[in-house]
Structure formats: C-alpha cells, structure tokens
Amino acid sequence: MVSDFTKNTIKIVLLSTFISTAIFAVEIKNLSIAVDVAGKQRMFTQRMLKDYAMVGIENHFENPNKDLKKIMGLFDKHLDLLIEFNKDAATEESLKKVRLLWDPLFIALNEAQTKEKAGQMQIDLEALLKQANEAVELFAKQTGKKSGEIINISGRQRMLSQRMASLYMLKVWGVNDSEFKTKMTKAMDLYRTSLEKLKKSDMSTDEIMVLLNKSEKAFKFFQIMNKSTNKFIPTLIYKKSNEMLKDMNTATGLYAAQEK
C-alpha cells in the first residue's frame, strides 16, 4: 500500500515535469471567470479520458499522450486557483471533494494505459466530472445572475464535446460499457438542446452566433457517426471534438467577458 506521503512526493515530481508543457496564465478576477475556469475542469475530465483511450488504441494523431500530461497539469493548477479565489463555504466543501477524487487519479493516469484499467478509469473520471459539475453550479449560483447560467451552459458544451469523443474512443478500444448507447444519446441530446438555448440568449452576440453555428456543423458529424453501428474513425472523431471544443471555449470566454 502506497502511503499518502509517497503519493504526494510522486505527484510533486510529476507536476514539475508538466509545468513546461502547460500554460498557467489564468487569472480569476471575478465570479464569471471562476464559472468559466471551473467549467473547464469539467471538460478536462473527459478530455483526459479521450486522450487515455487514444493512447490505449495506439493512435498518435495530435500526440494524445502529450496532451494528457498537459491537461493533467492544467486541472491541478486550476483547482488550486479556484480554491484560492473562492470565499463561499458550500463551494469550498465541493472543491475539497474534487481534490480528494483528483489526487489518486493523478497518480493512476500516469500508469500504463491498459484496456483492463480503462473501465475503472472511466468510472473514476465520471465521479470527478460529477463533483466538478457541482462546483461549477455553485460558482454560477454565487453570481446571482442569469449570465452565470449561460456561461455554465456554454462551458458545459466544451465538456460534452469531449465526452462524446471519449465514449467513442472507448468503444473503438473494445472497452465493455453496457450503458454506452444511453450515455451517448444523453450527451448528444443535451448538447443539442443547450445549443438551442444559447442561440436564443440575449447574451449571444453576432460573434458568438458564428461560433455556435460552427459548433453545430461539427456536431452534425457526431449525429451521423452515431447512426453507424460498426464504422468508427478515431482520428476524425478526435479532430471534430477538438474543433467543437475550440469554438465553444472561445464562445464561453466571450460570454464571461460581458461581466466585468
């Protein structure tokens, strides 16, 4: 059994190697930015799972192993920043729970990727996703504004783009998940309905609408792929999910920038 001291030592050593691959130029100036950053944490859980599976199936498109290490470093640093910024008791407790789930996962993600471990990794990252989502909603609640909800929904689209992709990658890998179809349908339905809500928002400027429309076009690719019962193209799925992520990340930043 590895002691907590040993785990922390390993984590410190690993983090020092990640700093050179990740950009930590994030400054949380207000609650709207906190909602945006916390929302990225939600997305990171699914992006890490997507990268983990890509490495597992030995698909090296866009270097998923390097991306995994970068995102791990970002998740850890962003969590520290959110904890430092927050002043709310309920949100503090939620972030503590995120930390408790994250620390052992950080170590596990550095171990060799195997199909036998992938099922448990999915379960653990799912638990981290749910806890991170709670933290986002608490930050959004702190804003006391409708804008907090819109930033939250837009940020969630980033997560959903990675969730759909990670589910596909696990399917390609041959990881057994009896709830695959249910999870995929739920993620796709939520992405579609959220997109419709964002388009109707008064906060959606012309610039944001362009991004939403681009995201919708990429999403149609997932809708087509979901109808296929046996044809999976990991590289295209990875590429399209990153396009959706980029557009929705920019849109979320533009929403957050409207609140000074």
C-alpha atoms as a PDB file:
ATOM      1  CA  MET A   1       0.000   0.000   0.000  1.00  0.00           C
ATOM      2  CA  VAL A   2       1.420   3.378  -1.054  1.00  0.00           C
ATOM      3  CA  SER A   3       1.414   5.951   1.741  1.00  0.00           C
ATOM      4  CA  ASP A   4      -0.065   9.429   1.340  1.00  0.00           C
ATOM      5  CA  PHE A   5       3.426  10.875   1.761  1.00  0.00           C
ATOM      6  CA  THR A   6       4.756   8.759  -1.100  1.00  0.00           C
ATOM      7  CA  LYS A   7       1.773   9.663  -3.290  1.00  0.00           C
ATOM      8  CA  ASN A   8       2.299  13.359  -2.635  1.00  0.00           C
ATOM      9  CA  THR A   9       6.016  13.063  -3.380  1.00  0.00           C
ATOM     10  CA  ILE A  10       5.296  11.298  -6.665  1.00  0.00           C
ATOM     11  CA  LYS A  11       2.733  13.945  -7.548  1.00  0.00           C
ATOM     12  CA  ILE A  12       5.135  16.819  -6.865  1.00  0.00           C
ATOM     13  CA  VAL A  13       7.795  15.232  -9.065  1.00  0.00           C
ATOM     14  CA  LEU A  14       5.313  14.570 -11.874  1.00  0.00           C
ATOM     15  CA  LEU A  15       3.843  18.063 -11.702  1.00  0.00           C
ATOM     16  CA  SER A  16       7.291  19.610 -12.074  1.00  0.00           C
ATOM     17  CA  THR A  17       7.653  17.810 -15.401  1.00  0.00           C
ATOM     18  CA  PHE A  18       4.257  19.046 -16.619  1.00  0.00           C
ATOM     19  CA  ILE A  19       4.837  22.734 -15.967  1.00  0.00           C
ATOM     20  CA  SER A  20       6.877  23.095 -19.146  1.00  0.00           C
ATOM     21  CA  THR A  21       4.055  21.652 -21.275  1.00  0.00           C
ATOM     22  CA  ALA A  22       1.146  23.664 -19.856  1.00  0.00           C
ATOM     23  CA  ILE A  23       0.412  27.386 -19.833  1.00  0.00           C
ATOM     24  CA  PHE A  24      -0.813  28.575 -16.451  1.00  0.00           C
ATOM     25  CA  ALA A  25      -1.601  32.159 -17.475  1.00  0.00           C
ATOM     26  CA  VAL A  26      -5.020  32.109 -15.812  1.00  0.00           C
ATOM     27  CA  GLU A  27      -6.178  34.863 -13.517  1.00  0.00           C
ATOM     28  CA  ILE A  28      -9.556  34.596 -11.816  1.00  0.00           C
ATOM     29  CA  LYS A  29     -10.687  38.208 -11.380  1.00  0.00           C
ATOM     30  CA  ASN A  30     -14.415  37.681 -10.790  1.00  0.00           C
ATOM     31  CA  LEU A  31     -17.118  35.050 -10.401  1.00  0.00           C
ATOM     32  CA  SER A  32     -17.917  34.926 -14.112  1.00  0.00           C
ATOM     33  CA  ILE A  33     -14.332  33.937 -14.874  1.00  0.00           C
ATOM     34  CA  ALA A  34     -14.488  31.456 -11.987  1.00  0.00           C
ATOM     35  CA  VAL A  35     -17.521  29.816 -13.630  1.00  0.00           C
ATOM     36  CA  ASP A  36     -15.579  29.642 -16.911  1.00  0.00           C
ATOM     37  CA  VAL A  37     -12.463  28.132 -15.299  1.00  0.00           C
ATOM     38  CA  ALA A  38     -14.461  25.702 -13.165  1.00  0.00           C
ATOM     39  CA  GLY A  39     -16.325  24.680 -16.312  1.00  0.00           C
ATOM     40  CA  LYS A  40     -13.014  23.842 -17.984  1.00  0.00           C
ATOM     41  CA  GLN A  41     -12.298  21.428 -15.138  1.00  0.00           C
ATOM     42  CA  ARG A  42     -15.473  19.587 -16.065  1.00  0.00           C
ATOM     43  CA  MET A  43     -14.302  19.375 -19.662  1.00  0.00           C
ATOM     44  CA  PHE A  44     -10.791  18.297 -18.678  1.00  0.00           C
ATOM     45  CA  THR A  45     -12.115  15.105 -17.047  1.00  0.00           C
ATOM     46  CA  GLN A  46     -13.499  13.925 -20.381  1.00  0.00           C
ATOM     47  CA  ARG A  47     -10.562  15.171 -22.422  1.00  0.00           C
ATOM     48  CA  MET A  48      -8.212  13.158 -20.219  1.00  0.00           C
ATOM     49  CA  LEU A  49     -10.358  10.072 -20.776  1.00  0.00           C
ATOM     50  CA  LYS A  50     -10.341  10.689 -24.536  1.00  0.00           C
ATOM     51  CA  ASP A  51      -6.546  11.021 -24.556  1.00  0.00           C
ATOM     52  CA  TYR A  52      -6.165   7.975 -22.301  1.00  0.00           C
ATOM     53  CA  ALA A  53      -8.164   5.863 -24.749  1.00  0.00           C
ATOM     54  CA  MET A  54      -6.325   7.257 -27.783  1.00  0.00           C
ATOM     55  CA  VAL A  55      -3.007   6.257 -26.242  1.00  0.00           C
ATOM     56  CA  GLY A  56      -4.505   2.856 -25.418  1.00  0.00           C
ATOM     57  CA  ILE A  57      -5.513   2.157 -29.018  1.00  0.00           C
ATOM     58  CA  GLU A  58      -2.081   3.402 -30.139  1.00  0.00           C
ATOM     59  CA  ASN A  59      -3.448   6.224 -32.254  1.00  0.00           C
ATOM     60  CA  HIS A  60      -0.894   9.039 -32.153  1.00  0.00           C
ATOM     61  CA  PHE A  61      -2.880  11.710 -34.003  1.00  0.00           C
ATOM     62  CA  GLU A  62      -2.021  15.117 -32.466  1.00  0.00           C
ATOM     63  CA  ASN A  63       0.045  13.389 -29.756  1.00  0.00           C
ATOM     64  CA  PRO A  64      -2.646  12.440 -27.200  1.00  0.00           C
ATOM     65  CA  ASN A  65      -0.044  11.362 -24.631  1.00  0.00           C
ATOM     66  CA  LYS A  66       1.489  14.839 -24.573  1.00  0.00           C
ATOM     67  CA  ASP A  67      -1.983  16.385 -24.417  1.00  0.00           C
ATOM     68  CA  LEU A  68      -2.934  14.132 -21.495  1.00  0.00           C
ATOM     69  CA  LYS A  69       0.071  15.295 -19.491  1.00  0.00           C
ATOM     70  CA  LYS A  70      -0.668  18.947 -20.283  1.00  0.00           C
ATOM     71  CA  ILE A  71      -4.316  18.671 -19.237  1.00  0.00           C
ATOM     72  CA  MET A  72      -3.381  16.906 -16.006  1.00  0.00           C
ATOM     73  CA  GLY A  73      -1.135  19.827 -15.124  1.00  0.00           C
ATOM     74  CA  LEU A  74      -3.834  22.344 -16.009  1.00  0.00           C
ATOM     75  CA  PHE A  75      -6.505  20.556 -13.980  1.00  0.00           C
ATOM     76  CA  ASP A  76      -4.277  20.551 -10.911  1.00  0.00           C
ATOM     77  CA  LYS A  77      -3.272  24.198 -11.249  1.00  0.00           C
ATOM     78  CA  HIS A  78      -6.799  25.410 -11.984  1.00  0.00           C
ATOM     79  CA  LEU A  79      -8.070  23.583  -8.913  1.00  0.00           C
ATOM     80  CA  ASP A  80      -5.545  25.423  -6.760  1.00  0.00           C
ATOM     81  CA  LEU A  81      -6.596  28.755  -8.289  1.00  0.00           C
ATOM     82  CA  LEU A  82     -10.302  28.086  -7.734  1.00  0.00           C
ATOM     83  CA  ILE A  83      -9.710  27.109  -4.113  1.00  0.00           C
ATOM     84  CA  GLU A  84      -7.652  30.273  -3.567  1.00  0.00           C
ATOM     85  CA  PHE A  85     -10.265  32.543  -5.194  1.00  0.00           C
ATOM     86  CA  ASN A  86     -13.389  31.081  -3.572  1.00  0.00           C
ATOM     87  CA  LYS A  87     -14.901  32.631  -0.438  1.00  0.00           C
ATOM     88  CA  ASP A  88     -18.108  30.582  -0.222  1.00  0.00           C
ATOM     89  CA  ALA A  89     -18.369  27.783   2.368  1.00  0.00           C
ATOM     90  CA  ALA A  90     -20.501  25.388   0.290  1.00  0.00           C
ATOM     91  CA  THR A  91     -18.255  25.809  -2.743  1.00  0.00           C
ATOM     92  CA  GLU A  92     -15.203  25.250  -0.546  1.00  0.00           C
ATOM     93  CA  GLU A  93     -16.562  21.877   0.563  1.00  0.00           C
ATOM     94  CA  SER A  94     -17.306  20.929  -3.032  1.00  0.00           C
ATOM     95  CA  LEU A  95     -13.775  21.818  -4.156  1.00  0.00           C
ATOM     96  CA  LYS A  96     -12.325  19.774  -1.297  1.00  0.00           C
ATOM     97  CA  LYS A  97     -14.235  16.758  -2.604  1.00  0.00           C
ATOM     98  CA  VAL A  98     -12.838  17.419  -6.079  1.00  0.00           C
ATOM     99  CA  ARG A  99      -9.332  17.381  -4.602  1.00  0.00           C
ATOM    100  CA  LEU A 100      -9.948  14.097  -2.771  1.00  0.00           C
ATOM    101  CA  LEU A 101     -11.051  12.431  -6.002  1.00  0.00           C
ATOM    102  CA  TRP A 102      -8.345  14.020  -8.121  1.00  0.00           C
ATOM    103  CA  ASP A 103      -5.185  13.227  -6.151  1.00  0.00           C
ATOM    104  CA  PRO A 104      -5.308   9.405  -6.564  1.00  0.00           C
ATOM    105  CA  LEU A 105      -6.481   9.813 -10.169  1.00  0.00           C
ATOM    106  CA  PHE A 106      -3.444  11.944 -10.913  1.00  0.00           C
ATOM    107  CA  ILE A 107      -1.215   9.027  -9.961  1.00  0.00           C
ATOM    108  CA  ALA A 108      -3.332   6.449 -11.837  1.00  0.00           C
ATOM    109  CA  LEU A 109      -3.298   8.479 -15.051  1.00  0.00           C
ATOM    110  CA  ASN A 110       0.491   8.280 -15.069  1.00  0.00           C
ATOM    111  CA  GLU A 111       0.460   4.497 -15.105  1.00  0.00           C
ATOM    112  CA  ALA A 112       0.486   2.477 -18.338  1.00  0.00           C
ATOM    113  CA  GLN A 113      -2.822   2.603 -20.214  1.00  0.00           C
ATOM    114  CA  THR A 114      -4.473  -0.829 -20.469  1.00  0.00           C
ATOM    115  CA  LYS A 115      -7.902  -1.990 -21.531  1.00  0.00           C
ATOM    116  CA  GLU A 116      -8.268  -3.756 -18.165  1.00  0.00           C
ATOM    117  CA  LYS A 117      -7.814  -0.453 -16.320  1.00  0.00           C
ATOM    118  CA  ALA A 118      -9.872   1.633 -18.748  1.00  0.00           C
ATOM    119  CA  GLY A 119     -13.252   0.648 -17.301  1.00  0.00           C
ATOM    120  CA  GLN A 120     -12.283   1.768 -13.802  1.00  0.00           C
ATOM    121  CA  MET A 121     -10.656   4.907 -15.196  1.00  0.00           C
ATOM    122  CA  GLN A 122     -13.949   5.801 -16.871  1.00  0.00           C
ATOM    123  CA  ILE A 123     -15.827   5.275 -13.591  1.00  0.00           C
ATOM    124  CA  ASP A 124     -13.342   7.371 -11.612  1.00  0.00           C
ATOM    125  CA  LEU A 125     -13.304  10.231 -14.113  1.00  0.00           C
ATOM    126  CA  GLU A 126     -17.105  10.099 -14.221  1.00  0.00           C
ATOM    127  CA  ALA A 127     -17.168  10.616 -10.454  1.00  0.00           C
ATOM    128  CA  LEU A 128     -14.716  13.505 -10.813  1.00  0.00           C
ATOM    129  CA  LEU A 129     -16.881  15.001 -13.558  1.00  0.00           C
ATOM    130  CA  LYS A 130     -19.974  14.934 -11.351  1.00  0.00           C
ATOM    131  CA  GLN A 131     -18.154  16.560  -8.451  1.00  0.00           C
ATOM    132  CA  ALA A 132     -16.576  19.178 -10.716  1.00  0.00           C
ATOM    133  CA  ASN A 133     -20.026  19.898 -12.143  1.00  0.00           C
ATOM    134  CA  GLU A 134     -21.348  20.556  -8.648  1.00  0.00           C
ATOM    135  CA  ALA A 135     -18.558  23.069  -8.097  1.00  0.00           C
ATOM    136  CA  VAL A 136     -19.367  24.871 -11.369  1.00  0.00           C
ATOM    137  CA  GLU A 137     -23.030  25.171 -10.439  1.00  0.00           C
ATOM    138  CA  LEU A 138     -22.139  26.553  -7.025  1.00  0.00           C
ATOM    139  CA  PHE A 139     -19.912  29.195  -8.595  1.00  0.00           C
ATOM    140  CA  ALA A 140     -22.705  30.018 -11.075  1.00  0.00           C
ATOM    141  CA  LYS A 141     -25.136  30.344  -8.168  1.00  0.00           C
ATOM    142  CA  GLN A 142     -22.753  32.739  -6.436  1.00  0.00           C
ATOM    143  CA  THR A 143     -23.010  35.170  -9.358  1.00  0.00           C
ATOM    144  CA  GLY A 144     -26.708  35.652  -8.608  1.00  0.00           C
ATOM    145  CA  LYS A 145     -27.207  36.489 -12.263  1.00  0.00           C
ATOM    146  CA  LYS A 146     -28.772  34.804 -15.259  1.00  0.00           C
ATOM    147  CA  SER A 147     -25.446  35.311 -17.031  1.00  0.00           C
ATOM    148  CA  GLY A 148     -23.896  32.764 -14.676  1.00  0.00           C
ATOM    149  CA  GLU A 149     -26.273  30.147 -16.019  1.00  0.00           C
ATOM    150  CA  ILE A 150     -25.472  30.981 -19.659  1.00  0.00           C
ATOM    151  CA  ILE A 151     -21.709  30.810 -19.007  1.00  0.00           C
ATOM    152  CA  ASN A 152     -22.275  27.489 -17.248  1.00  0.00           C
ATOM    153  CA  ILE A 153     -24.285  26.044 -20.163  1.00  0.00           C
ATOM    154  CA  SER A 154     -21.782  27.255 -22.749  1.00  0.00           C
ATOM    155  CA  GLY A 155     -18.912  25.835 -20.721  1.00  0.00           C
ATOM    156  CA  ARG A 156     -20.724  22.528 -20.420  1.00  0.00           C
ATOM    157  CA  GLN A 157     -20.767  22.256 -24.219  1.00  0.00           C
ATOM    158  CA  ARG A 158     -16.974  22.009 -24.072  1.00  0.00           C
ATOM    159  CA  MET A 159     -17.286  19.032 -21.753  1.00  0.00           C
ATOM    160  CA  LEU A 160     -19.943  17.367 -23.887  1.00  0.00           C
ATOM    161  CA  SER A 161     -17.765  17.589 -26.999  1.00  0.00           C
ATOM    162  CA  GLN A 162     -15.056  15.664 -25.154  1.00  0.00           C
ATOM    163  CA  ARG A 163     -17.497  13.271 -23.516  1.00  0.00           C
ATOM    164  CA  MET A 164     -18.951  12.172 -26.838  1.00  0.00           C
ATOM    165  CA  ALA A 165     -15.446  11.671 -28.210  1.00  0.00           C
ATOM    166  CA  SER A 166     -14.217   9.741 -25.156  1.00  0.00           C
ATOM    167  CA  LEU A 167     -17.198   7.389 -25.342  1.00  0.00           C
ATOM    168  CA  TYR A 168     -16.396   6.710 -28.985  1.00  0.00           C
ATOM    169  CA  MET A 169     -12.718   6.062 -28.225  1.00  0.00           C
ATOM    170  CA  LEU A 170     -13.576   3.557 -25.510  1.00  0.00           C
ATOM    171  CA  LYS A 171     -15.919   1.842 -27.956  1.00  0.00           C
ATOM    172  CA  VAL A 172     -13.147   1.627 -30.547  1.00  0.00           C
ATOM    173  CA  TRP A 173     -10.811   0.214 -27.907  1.00  0.00           C
ATOM    174  CA  GLY A 174     -13.315  -2.527 -27.142  1.00  0.00           C
ATOM    175  CA  VAL A 175     -13.945  -1.458 -23.542  1.00  0.00           C
ATOM    176  CA  ASN A 176     -17.234  -3.001 -22.485  1.00  0.00           C
ATOM    177  CA  ASP A 177     -19.831  -0.454 -21.378  1.00  0.00           C
ATOM    178  CA  SER A 178     -23.418  -1.675 -21.281  1.00  0.00           C
ATOM    179  CA  GLU A 179     -24.622   1.925 -20.960  1.00  0.00           C
ATOM    180  CA  PHE A 180     -22.694   3.256 -23.964  1.00  0.00           C
ATOM    181  CA  LYS A 181     -25.787   3.955 -26.075  1.00  0.00           C
ATOM    182  CA  THR A 182     -27.641   5.607 -23.188  1.00  0.00           C
ATOM    183  CA  LYS A 183     -24.684   7.818 -22.276  1.00  0.00           C
ATOM    184  CA  MET A 184     -24.080   8.839 -25.874  1.00  0.00           C
ATOM    185  CA  THR A 185     -27.737   9.639 -26.528  1.00  0.00           C
ATOM    186  CA  LYS A 186     -27.985  11.672 -23.320  1.00  0.00           C
ATOM    187  CA  ALA A 187     -24.813  13.643 -24.136  1.00  0.00           C
ATOM    188  CA  MET A 188     -25.950  14.358 -27.697  1.00  0.00           C
ATOM    189  CA  ASP A 189     -29.443  15.400 -26.643  1.00  0.00           C
ATOM    190  CA  LEU A 190     -28.045  17.752 -24.006  1.00  0.00           C
ATOM    191  CA  TYR A 191     -25.603  19.275 -26.494  1.00  0.00           C
ATOM    192  CA  ARG A 192     -28.391  19.906 -28.996  1.00  0.00           C
ATOM    193  CA  THR A 193     -30.887  21.425 -26.531  1.00  0.00           C
ATOM    194  CA  SER A 194     -28.193  23.550 -24.889  1.00  0.00           C
ATOM    195  CA  LEU A 195     -27.140  24.884 -28.278  1.00  0.00           C
ATOM    196  CA  GLU A 196     -30.726  25.904 -28.961  1.00  0.00           C
ATOM    197  CA  LYS A 197     -30.911  27.702 -25.610  1.00  0.00           C
ATOM    198  CA  LEU A 198     -27.650  29.564 -26.227  1.00  0.00           C
ATOM    199  CA  LYS A 199     -28.832  30.727 -29.636  1.00  0.00           C
ATOM    200  CA  LYS A 200     -31.915  32.282 -28.025  1.00  0.00           C
ATOM    201  CA  SER A 201     -29.937  34.071 -25.304  1.00  0.00           C
ATOM    202  CA  ASP A 202     -29.685  37.875 -25.332  1.00  0.00           C
ATOM    203  CA  MET A 203     -26.006  37.403 -24.471  1.00  0.00           C
ATOM    204  CA  SER A 204     -25.303  35.697 -27.802  1.00  0.00           C
ATOM    205  CA  THR A 205     -23.693  38.419 -29.896  1.00  0.00           C
ATOM    206  CA  ASP A 206     -23.113  38.136 -33.648  1.00  0.00           C
ATOM    207  CA  GLU A 207     -19.566  36.963 -32.923  1.00  0.00           C
ATOM    208  CA  ILE A 208     -20.817  34.260 -30.579  1.00  0.00           C
ATOM    209  CA  MET A 209     -23.515  33.180 -33.028  1.00  0.00           C
ATOM    210  CA  VAL A 210     -20.841  32.474 -35.655  1.00  0.00           C
ATOM    211  CA  LEU A 211     -19.101  30.174 -33.163  1.00  0.00           C
ATOM    212  CA  LEU A 212     -22.344  28.455 -32.193  1.00  0.00           C
ATOM    213  CA  ASN A 213     -23.145  27.780 -35.840  1.00  0.00           C
ATOM    214  CA  LYS A 214     -19.660  26.356 -36.459  1.00  0.00           C
ATOM    215  CA  SER A 215     -20.079  24.103 -33.440  1.00  0.00           C
ATOM    216  CA  GLU A 216     -23.452  22.945 -34.733  1.00  0.00           C
ATOM    217  CA  LYS A 217     -21.926  21.933 -38.078  1.00  0.00           C
ATOM    218  CA  ALA A 218     -19.262  19.832 -36.357  1.00  0.00           C
ATOM    219  CA  PHE A 219     -21.925  18.320 -34.096  1.00  0.00           C
ATOM    220  CA  LYS A 220     -23.805  17.025 -37.143  1.00  0.00           C
ATOM    221  CA  PHE A 221     -20.788  14.834 -37.826  1.00  0.00           C
ATOM    222  CA  PHE A 222     -21.345  13.134 -34.454  1.00  0.00           C
ATOM    223  CA  GLN A 223     -25.012  12.675 -35.254  1.00  0.00           C
ATOM    224  CA  ILE A 224     -24.110  10.895 -38.489  1.00  0.00           C
ATOM    225  CA  MET A 225     -21.451   8.747 -36.802  1.00  0.00           C
ATOM    226  CA  ASN A 226     -23.843   7.782 -34.029  1.00  0.00           C
ATOM    227  CA  LYS A 227     -26.158   6.179 -36.574  1.00  0.00           C
ATOM    228  CA  SER A 228     -23.352   3.902 -37.774  1.00  0.00           C
ATOM    229  CA  THR A 229     -23.291   0.560 -35.960  1.00  0.00           C
ATOM    230  CA  ASN A 230     -19.767  -0.560 -36.808  1.00  0.00           C
ATOM    231  CA  LYS A 231     -17.781   2.216 -38.512  1.00  0.00           C
ATOM    232  CA  PHE A 232     -15.548   4.177 -36.192  1.00  0.00           C
ATOM    233  CA  ILE A 233     -12.857   6.620 -37.324  1.00  0.00           C
ATOM    234  CA  PRO A 234     -10.867   7.723 -34.237  1.00  0.00           C
ATOM    235  CA  THR A 235      -8.809  10.398 -35.995  1.00  0.00           C
ATOM    236  CA  LEU A 236     -11.859  12.202 -37.392  1.00  0.00           C
ATOM    237  CA  ILE A 237     -13.702  11.947 -34.081  1.00  0.00           C
ATOM    238  CA  TYR A 238     -10.705  13.394 -32.258  1.00  0.00           C
ATOM    239  CA  LYS A 239     -10.396  16.230 -34.800  1.00  0.00           C
ATOM    240  CA  LYS A 240     -14.086  17.193 -34.775  1.00  0.00           C
ATOM    241  CA  SER A 241     -14.318  17.110 -30.990  1.00  0.00           C
ATOM    242  CA  ASN A 242     -11.353  19.485 -30.781  1.00  0.00           C
ATOM    243  CA  GLU A 243     -12.985  21.851 -33.298  1.00  0.00           C
ATOM    244  CA  MET A 244     -16.157  21.932 -31.191  1.00  0.00           C
ATOM    245  CA  LEU A 245     -14.106  22.438 -28.044  1.00  0.00           C
ATOM    246  CA  LYS A 246     -12.165  25.344 -29.540  1.00  0.00           C
ATOM    247  CA  ASP A 247     -15.288  27.150 -30.766  1.00  0.00           C
ATOM    248  CA  MET A 248     -17.227  26.653 -27.527  1.00  0.00           C
ATOM    249  CA  ASN A 249     -14.230  27.641 -25.418  1.00  0.00           C
ATOM    250  CA  THR A 250     -13.996  30.925 -27.313  1.00  0.00           C
ATOM    251  CA  ALA A 251     -17.751  31.456 -27.004  1.00  0.00           C
ATOM    252  CA  THR A 252     -17.665  30.793 -23.259  1.00  0.00           C
ATOM    253  CA  GLY A 253     -14.842  33.291 -22.847  1.00  0.00           C
ATOM    254  CA  LEU A 254     -16.875  35.905 -24.750  1.00  0.00           C
ATOM    255  CA  TYR A 255     -19.890  35.265 -22.523  1.00  0.00           C
ATOM    256  CA  ALA A 256     -17.740  35.610 -19.403  1.00  0.00           C
ATOM    257  CA  ALA A 257     -16.132  38.822 -20.727  1.00  0.00           C
ATOM    258  CA  GLN A 258     -19.545  40.529 -20.782  1.00  0.00           C
ATOM    259  CA  GLU A 259     -19.497  40.542 -16.966  1.00  0.00           C
ATOM    260  CA  LYS A 260     -16.965  42.970 -15.542  1.00  0.00           C
END
